[in-house]
């Protein structure tokens, strides 16, 4: 985002001083992959249960694999835990974000058309819910890396996007044409918020929201809503994070444009 005439540049955020030392998360059966294709190079979102002590139960997603992985944080070390399968072999969830609230992890899929082949991705925009103990963060169902167990999928976000007055015209369009591309997720007060990396329309980026519990029913009222944000040309939402008084937006380029990241 470039400041307009008379506007001041926003303050820069200093990097966190902590030096994190991740273990080889997402190493499962990928020893022959090229380095850029290895699972740990495609991590896309993470969230933690607010346990005591902190960070004993977290979940991280990968946008190139069909599973997520539990992990914990011990000091400045990320410790990998069990894998959990999100979808079947013939379905690519394209998991892009993770959030937590009230005993559930939520994982969201991303875009409607394949980035590489521009084919329709019928498993896109699926949202997954994983039940955990809100005190300990332990999964209610033993995580299974080989078959889907303890994971509730919902395809209903697709209908919300398709019928939305702001971005419905971009539903299932190629990413190069500004197709809808979910990049961030946050859950607050029983509503799920989805931040769209694209499209950017007339300088505006969009957050869609639905009732979290209704999303995992067949036909309960989703109470959908959308909110536009004037973030600037070619600027979308790259992540969302819940804070005490609201939700933070990480803004950045919709694709590869020369757009700075900002909060």
C-alpha atoms as a PDB file:
ATOM      1  CA  UNK A   1       0.000   0.000   0.000  1.00  0.00           C
ATOM      2  CA  UNK A   2       1.355   3.388  -0.956  1.00  0.00           C
ATOM      3  CA  UNK A   3       0.390   6.395   1.198  1.00  0.00           C
ATOM      4  CA  UNK A   4      -1.709   9.078  -0.419  1.00  0.00           C
ATOM      5  CA  UNK A   5      -0.815  12.758  -0.479  1.00  0.00           C
ATOM      6  CA  UNK A   6      -0.563  14.056   3.082  1.00  0.00           C
ATOM      7  CA  UNK A   7      -0.626  10.552   4.582  1.00  0.00           C
ATOM      8  CA  UNK A   8       2.216   9.199   6.684  1.00  0.00           C
ATOM      9  CA  UNK A   9       3.877   5.858   6.211  1.00  0.00           C
ATOM     10  CA  UNK A  10       2.769   3.349   8.856  1.00  0.00           C
ATOM     11  CA  UNK A  11       5.411   2.437  11.449  1.00  0.00           C
ATOM     12  CA  UNK A  12       7.552  -0.575  10.660  1.00  0.00           C
ATOM     13  CA  UNK A  13       7.332  -3.626  12.892  1.00  0.00           C
ATOM     14  CA  UNK A  14      10.669  -4.870  14.209  1.00  0.00           C
ATOM     15  CA  UNK A  15      11.385  -8.592  13.752  1.00  0.00           C
ATOM     16  CA  UNK A  16      10.906 -10.830  16.774  1.00  0.00           C
ATOM     17  CA  UNK A  17      14.273 -11.425  18.447  1.00  0.00           C
ATOM     18  CA  UNK A  18      13.587 -15.082  19.283  1.00  0.00           C
ATOM     19  CA  UNK A  19      15.520 -17.567  17.145  1.00  0.00           C
ATOM     20  CA  UNK A  20      13.111 -20.462  16.548  1.00  0.00           C
ATOM     21  CA  UNK A  21      14.538 -23.927  16.038  1.00  0.00           C
ATOM     22  CA  UNK A  22      11.936 -26.108  14.298  1.00  0.00           C
ATOM     23  CA  UNK A  23      12.355 -29.844  14.110  1.00  0.00           C
ATOM     24  CA  UNK A  24      11.625 -31.587  10.798  1.00  0.00           C
ATOM     25  CA  UNK A  25       7.860 -31.096  10.837  1.00  0.00           C
ATOM     26  CA  UNK A  26       6.053 -32.732   7.918  1.00  0.00           C
ATOM     27  CA  UNK A  27       8.864 -35.094   7.010  1.00  0.00           C
ATOM     28  CA  UNK A  28       6.480 -37.978   6.280  1.00  0.00           C
ATOM     29  CA  UNK A  29       7.560 -40.128   3.288  1.00  0.00           C
ATOM     30  CA  UNK A  30       9.041 -37.228   1.337  1.00  0.00           C
ATOM     31  CA  UNK A  31      12.744 -37.951   1.337  1.00  0.00           C
ATOM     32  CA  UNK A  32      12.850 -37.958  -2.485  1.00  0.00           C
ATOM     33  CA  UNK A  33      11.153 -34.575  -2.878  1.00  0.00           C
ATOM     34  CA  UNK A  34      13.084 -31.593  -4.077  1.00  0.00           C
ATOM     35  CA  UNK A  35      13.836 -29.219  -1.217  1.00  0.00           C
ATOM     36  CA  UNK A  36      11.243 -26.643  -2.358  1.00  0.00           C
ATOM     37  CA  UNK A  37       8.594 -29.379  -2.539  1.00  0.00           C
ATOM     38  CA  UNK A  38       9.247 -30.891   0.866  1.00  0.00           C
ATOM     39  CA  UNK A  39       6.356 -30.561   3.324  1.00  0.00           C
ATOM     40  CA  UNK A  40       8.215 -28.302   5.735  1.00  0.00           C
ATOM     41  CA  UNK A  41       8.669 -25.771   2.895  1.00  0.00           C
ATOM     42  CA  UNK A  42       4.901 -25.442   2.354  1.00  0.00           C
ATOM     43  CA  UNK A  43       3.539 -24.771   5.828  1.00  0.00           C
ATOM     44  CA  UNK A  44       0.581 -22.426   5.529  1.00  0.00           C
ATOM     45  CA  UNK A  45      -1.056 -21.805   8.899  1.00  0.00           C
ATOM     46  CA  UNK A  46      -0.987 -22.730  12.580  1.00  0.00           C
ATOM     47  CA  UNK A  47      -2.915 -22.185  15.806  1.00  0.00           C
ATOM     48  CA  UNK A  48      -2.637 -23.275  19.438  1.00  0.00           C
ATOM     49  CA  UNK A  49      -5.063 -24.146  22.217  1.00  0.00           C
ATOM     50  CA  UNK A  50      -4.708 -21.649  25.122  1.00  0.00           C
ATOM     51  CA  UNK A  51      -3.515 -24.319  27.558  1.00  0.00           C
ATOM     52  CA  UNK A  52      -1.618 -23.934  30.822  1.00  0.00           C
ATOM     53  CA  UNK A  53       1.305 -24.159  30.352  1.00  0.00           C
ATOM     54  CA  UNK A  54       1.135 -22.514  26.949  1.00  0.00           C
ATOM     55  CA  UNK A  55       1.711 -24.087  23.526  1.00  0.00           C
ATOM     56  CA  UNK A  56       1.349 -27.734  24.523  1.00  0.00           C
ATOM     57  CA  UNK A  57      -1.196 -28.408  21.761  1.00  0.00           C
ATOM     58  CA  UNK A  58      -0.919 -26.688  18.392  1.00  0.00           C
ATOM     59  CA  UNK A  59      -1.883 -27.652  14.843  1.00  0.00           C
ATOM     60  CA  UNK A  60      -0.132 -26.720  11.607  1.00  0.00           C
ATOM     61  CA  UNK A  61      -1.395 -27.161   8.030  1.00  0.00           C
ATOM     62  CA  UNK A  62       0.381 -27.687   4.735  1.00  0.00           C
ATOM     63  CA  UNK A  63      -1.088 -26.470   1.439  1.00  0.00           C
ATOM     64  CA  UNK A  64       0.485 -29.271  -0.603  1.00  0.00           C
ATOM     65  CA  UNK A  65      -0.475 -32.288   1.512  1.00  0.00           C
ATOM     66  CA  UNK A  66      -3.658 -34.016   2.647  1.00  0.00           C
ATOM     67  CA  UNK A  67      -2.841 -33.953   6.352  1.00  0.00           C
ATOM     68  CA  UNK A  68      -2.142 -31.541   9.184  1.00  0.00           C
ATOM     69  CA  UNK A  69       0.176 -32.102  12.128  1.00  0.00           C
ATOM     70  CA  UNK A  70      -0.007 -31.477  15.832  1.00  0.00           C
ATOM     71  CA  UNK A  71       3.021 -29.887  17.470  1.00  0.00           C
ATOM     72  CA  UNK A  72       4.082 -28.190  20.684  1.00  0.00           C
ATOM     73  CA  UNK A  73       6.493 -25.389  21.514  1.00  0.00           C
ATOM     74  CA  UNK A  74       9.120 -26.002  24.166  1.00  0.00           C
ATOM     75  CA  UNK A  75      11.090 -22.840  24.789  1.00  0.00           C
ATOM     76  CA  UNK A  76      12.156 -21.823  21.295  1.00  0.00           C
ATOM     77  CA  UNK A  77      11.884 -25.321  19.780  1.00  0.00           C
ATOM     78  CA  UNK A  78       8.943 -26.514  17.680  1.00  0.00           C
ATOM     79  CA  UNK A  79       8.347 -30.179  18.524  1.00  0.00           C
ATOM     80  CA  UNK A  80       6.420 -32.279  15.964  1.00  0.00           C
ATOM     81  CA  UNK A  81       3.597 -34.521  17.200  1.00  0.00           C
ATOM     82  CA  UNK A  82       1.061 -36.754  15.437  1.00  0.00           C
ATOM     83  CA  UNK A  83      -0.215 -36.360  11.876  1.00  0.00           C
ATOM     84  CA  UNK A  84      -3.948 -36.186  11.166  1.00  0.00           C
ATOM     85  CA  UNK A  85      -5.464 -36.956   7.762  1.00  0.00           C
ATOM     86  CA  UNK A  86      -7.805 -34.255   6.454  1.00  0.00           C
ATOM     87  CA  UNK A  87      -9.099 -35.784   3.218  1.00  0.00           C
ATOM     88  CA  UNK A  88      -9.081 -38.902   1.057  1.00  0.00           C
ATOM     89  CA  UNK A  89      -6.456 -39.728  -1.585  1.00  0.00           C
ATOM     90  CA  UNK A  90      -8.387 -38.235  -4.507  1.00  0.00           C
ATOM     91  CA  UNK A  91      -9.095 -34.925  -2.779  1.00  0.00           C
ATOM     92  CA  UNK A  92      -6.604 -32.077  -2.326  1.00  0.00           C
ATOM     93  CA  UNK A  93      -7.839 -29.777   0.446  1.00  0.00           C
ATOM     94  CA  UNK A  94      -5.233 -27.079  -0.299  1.00  0.00           C
ATOM     95  CA  UNK A  95      -5.207 -26.223   3.411  1.00  0.00           C
ATOM     96  CA  UNK A  96      -4.287 -22.582   3.852  1.00  0.00           C
ATOM     97  CA  UNK A  97      -5.160 -21.504   7.387  1.00  0.00           C
ATOM     98  CA  UNK A  98      -5.766 -22.796  10.923  1.00  0.00           C
ATOM     99  CA  UNK A  99      -7.707 -21.275  13.833  1.00  0.00           C
ATOM    100  CA  UNK A 100      -8.920 -22.402  17.250  1.00  0.00           C
ATOM    101  CA  UNK A 101     -11.880 -21.607  19.507  1.00  0.00           C
ATOM    102  CA  UNK A 102     -13.839 -23.395  22.244  1.00  0.00           C
ATOM    103  CA  UNK A 103     -12.585 -26.930  21.813  1.00  0.00           C
ATOM    104  CA  UNK A 104     -12.188 -27.004  18.034  1.00  0.00           C
ATOM    105  CA  UNK A 105      -9.392 -26.492  15.554  1.00  0.00           C
ATOM    106  CA  UNK A 106     -10.604 -25.200  12.186  1.00  0.00           C
ATOM    107  CA  UNK A 107      -8.673 -25.664   8.928  1.00  0.00           C
ATOM    108  CA  UNK A 108      -9.730 -23.900   5.727  1.00  0.00           C
ATOM    109  CA  UNK A 109      -9.111 -24.828   2.126  1.00  0.00           C
ATOM    110  CA  UNK A 110      -8.164 -22.126  -0.346  1.00  0.00           C
ATOM    111  CA  UNK A 111      -8.953 -21.585  -4.033  1.00  0.00           C
ATOM    112  CA  UNK A 112     -11.445 -23.076  -6.441  1.00  0.00           C
ATOM    113  CA  UNK A 113      -9.161 -23.782  -9.376  1.00  0.00           C
ATOM    114  CA  UNK A 114      -5.816 -25.544  -9.446  1.00  0.00           C
ATOM    115  CA  UNK A 115      -2.952 -23.053  -9.373  1.00  0.00           C
ATOM    116  CA  UNK A 116      -0.828 -25.065 -11.788  1.00  0.00           C
ATOM    117  CA  UNK A 117      -3.295 -26.708 -14.186  1.00  0.00           C
ATOM    118  CA  UNK A 118      -6.291 -24.326 -13.802  1.00  0.00           C
ATOM    119  CA  UNK A 119      -8.613 -27.303 -13.349  1.00  0.00           C
ATOM    120  CA  UNK A 120     -11.637 -27.099 -11.094  1.00  0.00           C
ATOM    121  CA  UNK A 121     -10.803 -28.268  -7.592  1.00  0.00           C
ATOM    122  CA  UNK A 122     -14.024 -29.815  -6.265  1.00  0.00           C
ATOM    123  CA  UNK A 123     -12.543 -30.155  -2.775  1.00  0.00           C
ATOM    124  CA  UNK A 124     -11.662 -26.461  -2.569  1.00  0.00           C
ATOM    125  CA  UNK A 125     -13.075 -24.133   0.075  1.00  0.00           C
ATOM    126  CA  UNK A 126     -13.791 -27.096   2.357  1.00  0.00           C
ATOM    127  CA  UNK A 127     -13.535 -26.245   6.050  1.00  0.00           C
ATOM    128  CA  UNK A 128     -12.448 -28.949   8.505  1.00  0.00           C
ATOM    129  CA  UNK A 129     -13.207 -29.110  12.233  1.00  0.00           C
ATOM    130  CA  UNK A 130     -11.209 -31.184  14.737  1.00  0.00           C
ATOM    131  CA  UNK A 131     -12.475 -31.578  18.316  1.00  0.00           C
ATOM    132  CA  UNK A 132      -9.956 -31.340  21.166  1.00  0.00           C
ATOM    133  CA  UNK A 133     -10.121 -31.098  24.943  1.00  0.00           C
ATOM    134  CA  UNK A 134     -10.246 -27.332  25.679  1.00  0.00           C
ATOM    135  CA  UNK A 135      -8.178 -27.782  28.854  1.00  0.00           C
ATOM    136  CA  UNK A 136      -5.373 -30.026  27.605  1.00  0.00           C
ATOM    137  CA  UNK A 137      -5.666 -29.660  23.827  1.00  0.00           C
ATOM    138  CA  UNK A 138      -5.644 -33.436  23.394  1.00  0.00           C
ATOM    139  CA  UNK A 139      -7.621 -34.584  20.313  1.00  0.00           C
ATOM    140  CA  UNK A 140     -10.974 -36.199  21.155  1.00  0.00           C
ATOM    141  CA  UNK A 141     -10.203 -38.865  18.499  1.00  0.00           C
ATOM    142  CA  UNK A 142      -6.776 -40.447  18.158  1.00  0.00           C
ATOM    143  CA  UNK A 143      -5.095 -38.772  15.138  1.00  0.00           C
ATOM    144  CA  UNK A 144      -4.792 -41.048  12.119  1.00  0.00           C
ATOM    145  CA  UNK A 145      -2.354 -40.255   9.315  1.00  0.00           C
ATOM    146  CA  UNK A 146      -3.677 -42.897   6.888  1.00  0.00           C
ATOM    147  CA  UNK A 147      -7.448 -42.404   6.947  1.00  0.00           C
ATOM    148  CA  UNK A 148      -9.849 -39.651   7.926  1.00  0.00           C
ATOM    149  CA  UNK A 149     -10.930 -40.043  11.551  1.00  0.00           C
ATOM    150  CA  UNK A 150     -12.032 -37.341  13.980  1.00  0.00           C
ATOM    151  CA  UNK A 151     -12.246 -34.710  11.209  1.00  0.00           C
ATOM    152  CA  UNK A 152     -15.549 -33.062  10.216  1.00  0.00           C
ATOM    153  CA  UNK A 153     -15.527 -31.533   6.709  1.00  0.00           C
ATOM    154  CA  UNK A 154     -17.987 -28.897   5.526  1.00  0.00           C
ATOM    155  CA  UNK A 155     -18.405 -27.831   1.869  1.00  0.00           C
ATOM    156  CA  UNK A 156     -20.916 -25.081   2.698  1.00  0.00           C
ATOM    157  CA  UNK A 157     -18.425 -22.211   2.318  1.00  0.00           C
ATOM    158  CA  UNK A 158     -18.683 -22.777  -1.437  1.00  0.00           C
ATOM    159  CA  UNK A 159     -22.343 -21.691  -1.483  1.00  0.00           C
ATOM    160  CA  UNK A 160     -21.536 -18.652   0.666  1.00  0.00           C
ATOM    161  CA  UNK A 161     -18.857 -17.503  -1.783  1.00  0.00           C
ATOM    162  CA  UNK A 162     -20.951 -18.218  -4.874  1.00  0.00           C
ATOM    163  CA  UNK A 163     -23.928 -16.226  -3.572  1.00  0.00           C
ATOM    164  CA  UNK A 164     -21.940 -13.342  -2.101  1.00  0.00           C
ATOM    165  CA  UNK A 165     -22.832  -9.940  -3.556  1.00  0.00           C
ATOM    166  CA  UNK A 166     -19.236  -8.683  -3.410  1.00  0.00           C
ATOM    167  CA  UNK A 167     -17.155 -11.593  -4.708  1.00  0.00           C
ATOM    168  CA  UNK A 168     -19.673 -14.102  -6.102  1.00  0.00           C
ATOM    169  CA  UNK A 169     -18.770 -13.157  -9.676  1.00  0.00           C
ATOM    170  CA  UNK A 170     -15.215 -14.376  -8.982  1.00  0.00           C
ATOM    171  CA  UNK A 171     -16.270 -17.744  -7.576  1.00  0.00           C
ATOM    172  CA  UNK A 172     -14.339 -20.591  -9.202  1.00  0.00           C
ATOM    173  CA  UNK A 173     -12.494 -18.213 -11.546  1.00  0.00           C
ATOM    174  CA  UNK A 174      -8.787 -18.720 -12.337  1.00  0.00           C
ATOM    175  CA  UNK A 175      -6.455 -17.031  -9.868  1.00  0.00           C
ATOM    176  CA  UNK A 176      -4.941 -15.000 -12.726  1.00  0.00           C
ATOM    177  CA  UNK A 177      -8.404 -13.501 -13.279  1.00  0.00           C
ATOM    178  CA  UNK A 178      -8.890 -12.579  -9.630  1.00  0.00           C
ATOM    179  CA  UNK A 179     -10.595 -15.785  -8.572  1.00  0.00           C
ATOM    180  CA  UNK A 180     -11.621 -16.118  -4.930  1.00  0.00           C
ATOM    181  CA  UNK A 181      -8.648 -17.266  -2.886  1.00  0.00           C
ATOM    182  CA  UNK A 182      -9.047 -17.847   0.870  1.00  0.00           C
ATOM    183  CA  UNK A 183      -5.834 -17.188   2.771  1.00  0.00           C
ATOM    184  CA  UNK A 184      -6.726 -16.365   6.383  1.00  0.00           C
ATOM    185  CA  UNK A 185      -9.088 -17.758   9.001  1.00  0.00           C
ATOM    186  CA  UNK A 186     -10.042 -16.606  12.497  1.00  0.00           C
ATOM    187  CA  UNK A 187     -12.784 -17.696  14.893  1.00  0.00           C
ATOM    188  CA  UNK A 188     -14.275 -15.263  17.407  1.00  0.00           C
ATOM    189  CA  UNK A 189     -17.500 -15.457  19.409  1.00  0.00           C
ATOM    190  CA  UNK A 190     -18.767 -18.493  17.460  1.00  0.00           C
ATOM    191  CA  UNK A 191     -18.245 -16.894  14.035  1.00  0.00           C
ATOM    192  CA  UNK A 192     -15.633 -17.956  11.489  1.00  0.00           C
ATOM    193  CA  UNK A 193     -13.974 -15.183   9.499  1.00  0.00           C
ATOM    194  CA  UNK A 194     -12.314 -15.918   6.154  1.00  0.00           C
ATOM    195  CA  UNK A 195      -9.795 -13.423   4.788  1.00  0.00           C
ATOM    196  CA  UNK A 196      -9.600 -13.358   0.979  1.00  0.00           C
ATOM    197  CA  UNK A 197      -6.249 -12.909  -0.691  1.00  0.00           C
ATOM    198  CA  UNK A 198      -8.200 -12.315  -3.877  1.00  0.00           C
ATOM    199  CA  UNK A 199     -10.007 -10.767  -5.503  1.00  0.00           C
ATOM    200  CA  UNK A 200      -8.966  -7.153  -4.985  1.00  0.00           C
ATOM    201  CA  UNK A 201     -11.783  -5.031  -6.457  1.00  0.00           C
ATOM    202  CA  UNK A 202     -11.563  -1.233  -6.626  1.00  0.00           C
ATOM    203  CA  UNK A 203      -8.853  -1.250  -3.930  1.00  0.00           C
ATOM    204  CA  UNK A 204     -11.011  -3.388  -1.665  1.00  0.00           C
ATOM    205  CA  UNK A 205     -10.245  -6.745  -0.072  1.00  0.00           C
ATOM    206  CA  UNK A 206     -12.907  -8.810   1.661  1.00  0.00           C
ATOM    207  CA  UNK A 207     -13.591 -10.798   4.821  1.00  0.00           C
ATOM    208  CA  UNK A 208     -16.468 -13.287   4.724  1.00  0.00           C
ATOM    209  CA  UNK A 209     -17.976 -14.664   7.922  1.00  0.00           C
ATOM    210  CA  UNK A 210     -20.450 -17.388   8.900  1.00  0.00           C
ATOM    211  CA  UNK A 211     -21.889 -18.966  12.020  1.00  0.00           C
ATOM    212  CA  UNK A 212     -19.304 -21.519  13.140  1.00  0.00           C
ATOM    213  CA  UNK A 213     -21.742 -24.124  14.426  1.00  0.00           C
ATOM    214  CA  UNK A 214     -24.159 -23.839  11.501  1.00  0.00           C
ATOM    215  CA  UNK A 215     -21.334 -24.433   9.037  1.00  0.00           C
ATOM    216  CA  UNK A 216     -21.131 -28.025  10.243  1.00  0.00           C
ATOM    217  CA  UNK A 217     -24.835 -28.740   9.850  1.00  0.00           C
ATOM    218  CA  UNK A 218     -26.724 -29.614   6.687  1.00  0.00           C
ATOM    219  CA  UNK A 219     -29.032 -26.632   6.443  1.00  0.00           C
ATOM    220  CA  UNK A 220     -28.937 -24.429   9.574  1.00  0.00           C
ATOM    221  CA  UNK A 221     -28.794 -20.701   8.825  1.00  0.00           C
ATOM    222  CA  UNK A 222     -25.176 -19.732   8.182  1.00  0.00           C
ATOM    223  CA  UNK A 223     -25.941 -16.020   8.722  1.00  0.00           C
ATOM    224  CA  UNK A 224     -23.326 -15.074   6.119  1.00  0.00           C
ATOM    225  CA  UNK A 225     -21.808 -11.614   5.985  1.00  0.00           C
ATOM    226  CA  UNK A 226     -19.018  -9.864   4.105  1.00  0.00           C
ATOM    227  CA  UNK A 227     -16.977  -6.792   4.959  1.00  0.00           C
ATOM    228  CA  UNK A 228     -14.865  -4.817   2.459  1.00  0.00           C
ATOM    229  CA  UNK A 229     -11.594  -3.167   3.482  1.00  0.00           C
ATOM    230  CA  UNK A 230      -9.869  -0.452   1.464  1.00  0.00           C
ATOM    231  CA  UNK A 231      -6.354  -1.871   1.551  1.00  0.00           C
ATOM    232  CA  UNK A 232      -5.088  -0.514  -1.777  1.00  0.00           C
ATOM    233  CA  UNK A 233      -4.527  -1.675  -5.339  1.00  0.00           C
ATOM    234  CA  UNK A 234      -3.673  -5.361  -5.778  1.00  0.00           C
ATOM    235  CA  UNK A 235      -3.729  -5.826  -2.009  1.00  0.00           C
ATOM    236  CA  UNK A 236      -5.389  -8.794  -0.367  1.00  0.00           C
ATOM    237  CA  UNK A 237      -5.628 -10.436   3.033  1.00  0.00           C
ATOM    238  CA  UNK A 238      -2.822 -12.878   3.763  1.00  0.00           C
ATOM    239  CA  UNK A 239      -3.779 -13.861   7.316  1.00  0.00           C
ATOM    240  CA  UNK A 240      -6.154 -13.145  10.215  1.00  0.00           C
ATOM    241  CA  UNK A 241      -5.481 -13.349  13.955  1.00  0.00           C
ATOM    242  CA  UNK A 242      -7.805 -12.902  16.919  1.00  0.00           C
ATOM    243  CA  UNK A 243      -6.737 -10.423  19.625  1.00  0.00           C
ATOM    244  CA  UNK A 244      -8.536  -9.236  22.769  1.00  0.00           C
ATOM    245  CA  UNK A 245     -10.526  -6.480  21.097  1.00  0.00           C
ATOM    246  CA  UNK A 246     -10.980  -7.782  17.578  1.00  0.00           C
ATOM    247  CA  UNK A 247      -9.140  -9.344  14.655  1.00  0.00           C
ATOM    248  CA  UNK A 248      -5.824  -8.331  13.092  1.00  0.00           C
ATOM    249  CA  UNK A 249      -5.432  -8.374   9.300  1.00  0.00           C
ATOM    250  CA  UNK A 250      -2.128  -9.122   7.610  1.00  0.00           C
ATOM    251  CA  UNK A 251      -2.326  -7.417   4.211  1.00  0.00           C
ATOM    252  CA  UNK A 252      -0.106  -8.155   1.220  1.00  0.00           C
ATOM    253  CA  UNK A 253      -0.066  -8.726  -2.547  1.00  0.00           C
ATOM    254  CA  UNK A 254      -2.874 -10.717  -4.131  1.00  0.00           C
ATOM    255  CA  UNK A 255      -0.320 -12.585  -6.257  1.00  0.00           C
ATOM    256  CA  UNK A 256       3.213 -11.393  -7.104  1.00  0.00           C
ATOM    257  CA  UNK A 257       2.633  -7.643  -7.205  1.00  0.00           C
ATOM    258  CA  UNK A 258       5.064  -5.174  -5.664  1.00  0.00           C
ATOM    259  CA  UNK A 259       2.919  -4.552  -2.589  1.00  0.00           C
ATOM    260  CA  UNK A 260       4.383  -4.316   0.945  1.00  0.00           C
ATOM    261  CA  UNK A 261       3.044  -6.398   3.798  1.00  0.00           C
ATOM    262  CA  UNK A 262       1.302  -4.527   6.609  1.00  0.00           C
ATOM    263  CA  UNK A 263      -0.886  -5.154   9.694  1.00  0.00           C
END
